[in-house]
Amino acid sequence: MLAEAACRAVTGKNPRFRMTPGFTDMHWLTADLGIPALMYGTTGSGAHADLEYTHIPSMLATARVYAELALRMPVE
């Protein structure tokens, strides 16, 4: 999987895959448009609360993972 390889190339670790119990915009891509999708993001805590935060180094690593994934995408 491209995303797994991109994550491993940047972090040196295999990503942990899991399901989310929440509703996201990804639903519209997958259910309505049939576009495969996955979520990947930063570490932090307090999602959607007054004290929501993320770690700056995690933001930088996440940006690098997305860049690596874009570089690995096949060009048509």
N, C-alpha and C. Protein backbone atom coordinates (compact mmCIF):
# COMPACT_ATOMS: atom_id res chain seq x y z
N MET A 1 0.85 -1.17 0.00
CA MET A 1 0.00 0.00 0.00
C MET A 1 0.90 1.24 0.00
N LEU A 2 0.57 2.20 -0.86
CA LEU A 2 1.39 3.40 -0.99
C LEU A 2 1.48 4.19 0.30
N ALA A 3 0.37 4.37 0.98
CA ALA A 3 0.38 5.16 2.21
C ALA A 3 1.23 4.49 3.29
N GLU A 4 1.16 3.20 3.38
CA GLU A 4 1.96 2.47 4.37
C GLU A 4 3.45 2.66 4.08
N ALA A 5 3.83 2.55 2.81
CA ALA A 5 5.23 2.72 2.43
C ALA A 5 5.70 4.15 2.68
N ALA A 6 4.85 5.13 2.40
CA ALA A 6 5.22 6.54 2.63
C ALA A 6 5.43 6.79 4.12
N CYS A 7 4.56 6.26 4.94
CA CYS A 7 4.68 6.43 6.39
C CYS A 7 5.96 5.78 6.90
N ARG A 8 6.22 4.58 6.44
CA ARG A 8 7.42 3.86 6.87
C ARG A 8 8.69 4.59 6.42
N ALA A 9 8.67 5.17 5.21
CA ALA A 9 9.85 5.88 4.70
C ALA A 9 10.18 7.11 5.55
N VAL A 10 9.15 7.77 6.07
CA VAL A 10 9.37 8.99 6.86
C VAL A 10 9.63 8.68 8.33
N THR A 11 8.81 7.81 8.90
CA THR A 11 8.89 7.58 10.35
C THR A 11 9.76 6.40 10.74
N GLY A 12 10.00 5.49 9.80
CA GLY A 12 10.74 4.28 10.11
C GLY A 12 9.89 3.24 10.82
N LYS A 13 8.59 3.49 10.92
CA LYS A 13 7.68 2.57 11.60
C LYS A 13 6.52 2.19 10.69
N ASN A 14 5.95 1.02 10.94
CA ASN A 14 4.73 0.64 10.25
C ASN A 14 3.56 1.40 10.86
N PRO A 15 2.67 1.96 10.03
CA PRO A 15 1.51 2.66 10.59
C PRO A 15 0.55 1.68 11.24
N ARG A 16 -0.21 2.18 12.18
CA ARG A 16 -1.21 1.37 12.87
C ARG A 16 -2.57 1.71 12.23
N PHE A 17 -3.21 0.72 11.66
CA PHE A 17 -4.51 0.93 11.03
C PHE A 17 -5.62 0.63 12.03
N ARG A 18 -6.64 1.47 12.02
CA ARG A 18 -7.79 1.24 12.88
C ARG A 18 -9.00 1.97 12.30
N MET A 19 -10.15 1.66 12.80
CA MET A 19 -11.39 2.31 12.37
C MET A 19 -11.67 3.49 13.30
N THR A 20 -12.39 4.48 12.80
CA THR A 20 -12.79 5.59 13.64
C THR A 20 -14.30 5.51 13.89
N PRO A 21 -14.72 5.77 15.12
CA PRO A 21 -16.16 5.70 15.41
C PRO A 21 -16.89 6.97 14.96
N GLY A 22 -16.16 8.00 14.62
CA GLY A 22 -16.78 9.29 14.27
C GLY A 22 -17.15 9.38 12.81
N PHE A 23 -17.88 10.42 12.48
CA PHE A 23 -18.28 10.71 11.10
C PHE A 23 -17.34 11.78 10.56
N THR A 24 -16.79 11.56 9.40
CA THR A 24 -15.86 12.52 8.81
C THR A 24 -16.27 12.85 7.37
N ASP A 25 -15.61 13.85 6.80
CA ASP A 25 -15.85 14.20 5.40
C ASP A 25 -15.44 13.07 4.46
N MET A 26 -14.63 12.16 4.95
CA MET A 26 -14.21 11.03 4.14
C MET A 26 -15.40 10.21 3.67
N HIS A 27 -16.47 10.24 4.44
CA HIS A 27 -17.70 9.52 4.09
C HIS A 27 -18.17 9.91 2.69
N TRP A 28 -18.15 11.21 2.39
CA TRP A 28 -18.66 11.68 1.10
C TRP A 28 -17.79 11.17 -0.05
N LEU A 29 -16.50 11.05 0.19
CA LEU A 29 -15.62 10.52 -0.86
C LEU A 29 -15.87 9.04 -1.10
N THR A 30 -15.94 8.28 -0.03
CA THR A 30 -16.04 6.83 -0.18
C THR A 30 -17.45 6.35 -0.49
N ALA A 31 -18.42 6.78 0.29
CA ALA A 31 -19.80 6.28 0.13
C ALA A 31 -20.49 6.88 -1.08
N ASP A 32 -20.36 8.17 -1.28
CA ASP A 32 -21.11 8.83 -2.35
C ASP A 32 -20.38 8.86 -3.69
N LEU A 33 -19.05 8.97 -3.66
CA LEU A 33 -18.31 9.09 -4.90
C LEU A 33 -17.49 7.86 -5.26
N GLY A 34 -17.39 6.90 -4.33
CA GLY A 34 -16.65 5.67 -4.59
C GLY A 34 -15.15 5.86 -4.66
N ILE A 35 -14.64 6.93 -4.04
CA ILE A 35 -13.21 7.19 -4.05
C ILE A 35 -12.58 6.57 -2.81
N PRO A 36 -11.60 5.68 -2.97
CA PRO A 36 -10.95 5.11 -1.79
C PRO A 36 -10.24 6.20 -1.01
N ALA A 37 -10.27 6.12 0.30
CA ALA A 37 -9.65 7.15 1.14
C ALA A 37 -9.18 6.55 2.45
N LEU A 38 -8.26 7.25 3.09
CA LEU A 38 -7.84 6.90 4.44
C LEU A 38 -7.50 8.18 5.17
N MET A 39 -7.51 8.12 6.49
CA MET A 39 -7.15 9.28 7.31
C MET A 39 -5.79 9.05 7.93
N TYR A 40 -5.02 10.10 8.01
CA TYR A 40 -3.73 10.04 8.68
C TYR A 40 -3.49 11.41 9.28
N GLY A 41 -3.05 11.47 10.50
CA GLY A 41 -2.87 12.77 11.10
C GLY A 41 -1.87 12.79 12.23
N THR A 42 -1.88 13.90 12.92
CA THR A 42 -0.90 14.16 13.97
C THR A 42 -1.28 13.51 15.29
N THR A 43 -0.34 13.50 16.20
CA THR A 43 -0.62 13.06 17.56
C THR A 43 -1.04 14.27 18.38
N GLY A 44 -1.84 14.03 19.37
CA GLY A 44 -2.33 15.10 20.23
C GLY A 44 -3.45 14.57 21.09
N SER A 45 -4.29 15.47 21.56
CA SER A 45 -5.38 15.06 22.43
C SER A 45 -6.47 16.12 22.44
N GLY A 46 -7.61 15.75 22.97
CA GLY A 46 -8.71 16.70 23.17
C GLY A 46 -9.45 17.07 21.90
N ALA A 47 -9.56 16.16 20.94
CA ALA A 47 -10.19 16.48 19.67
C ALA A 47 -11.56 17.12 19.85
N HIS A 48 -11.76 18.24 19.18
CA HIS A 48 -13.02 18.99 19.16
C HIS A 48 -13.44 19.50 20.53
N ALA A 49 -12.49 19.75 21.39
CA ALA A 49 -12.78 20.26 22.73
C ALA A 49 -12.04 21.59 22.94
N ASP A 50 -12.30 22.22 24.04
CA ASP A 50 -11.66 23.51 24.33
C ASP A 50 -10.14 23.41 24.40
N LEU A 51 -9.63 22.28 24.84
CA LEU A 51 -8.19 22.12 25.01
C LEU A 51 -7.59 21.18 23.97
N GLU A 52 -8.10 21.22 22.75
CA GLU A 52 -7.56 20.39 21.68
C GLU A 52 -6.15 20.86 21.34
N TYR A 53 -5.24 19.92 21.13
CA TYR A 53 -3.87 20.30 20.77
C TYR A 53 -3.22 19.20 19.95
N THR A 54 -2.14 19.57 19.28
CA THR A 54 -1.30 18.62 18.58
C THR A 54 0.15 19.01 18.84
N HIS A 55 1.05 18.09 18.57
CA HIS A 55 2.47 18.32 18.79
C HIS A 55 3.12 18.82 17.50
N ILE A 56 3.90 19.89 17.58
CA ILE A 56 4.54 20.49 16.40
C ILE A 56 5.40 19.47 15.65
N PRO A 57 6.27 18.70 16.31
CA PRO A 57 7.06 17.72 15.55
C PRO A 57 6.18 16.71 14.80
N SER A 58 5.04 16.38 15.39
CA SER A 58 4.11 15.46 14.73
C SER A 58 3.50 16.11 13.49
N MET A 59 3.24 17.42 13.56
CA MET A 59 2.71 18.13 12.38
C MET A 59 3.73 18.10 11.24
N LEU A 60 4.99 18.29 11.57
CA LEU A 60 6.04 18.28 10.54
C LEU A 60 6.19 16.90 9.93
N ALA A 61 6.18 15.87 10.77
CA ALA A 61 6.29 14.49 10.26
C ALA A 61 5.08 14.14 9.40
N THR A 62 3.90 14.56 9.81
CA THR A 62 2.70 14.28 9.03
C THR A 62 2.77 14.96 7.67
N ALA A 63 3.25 16.19 7.63
CA ALA A 63 3.42 16.89 6.35
C ALA A 63 4.41 16.14 5.46
N ARG A 64 5.48 15.61 6.05
CA ARG A 64 6.45 14.85 5.27
C ARG A 64 5.84 13.56 4.74
N VAL A 65 5.00 12.90 5.54
CA VAL A 65 4.34 11.67 5.08
C VAL A 65 3.44 11.99 3.88
N TYR A 66 2.65 13.06 3.97
CA TYR A 66 1.78 13.44 2.85
C TYR A 66 2.61 13.77 1.61
N ALA A 67 3.74 14.47 1.78
CA ALA A 67 4.60 14.79 0.64
C ALA A 67 5.17 13.51 0.02
N GLU A 68 5.61 12.60 0.86
CA GLU A 68 6.15 11.32 0.38
C GLU A 68 5.07 10.54 -0.37
N LEU A 69 3.87 10.55 0.15
CA LEU A 69 2.76 9.86 -0.51
C LEU A 69 2.49 10.48 -1.88
N ALA A 70 2.49 11.80 -1.96
CA ALA A 70 2.26 12.48 -3.24
C ALA A 70 3.35 12.11 -4.25
N LEU A 71 4.59 12.01 -3.80
CA LEU A 71 5.68 11.64 -4.70
C LEU A 71 5.55 10.21 -5.20
N ARG A 72 4.93 9.34 -4.43
CA ARG A 72 4.77 7.94 -4.79
C ARG A 72 3.52 7.66 -5.64
N MET A 73 2.65 8.62 -5.74
CA MET A 73 1.40 8.41 -6.49
C MET A 73 1.71 8.21 -7.96
N PRO A 74 1.03 7.25 -8.59
CA PRO A 74 1.27 7.04 -10.03
C PRO A 74 0.76 8.24 -10.84
N VAL A 75 1.49 8.57 -11.86
CA VAL A 75 1.11 9.66 -12.75
C VAL A 75 0.45 9.06 -13.97
N GLU A 76 -0.71 9.56 -14.30
CA GLU A 76 -1.44 9.01 -15.46
C GLU A 76 -1.12 9.79 -16.70
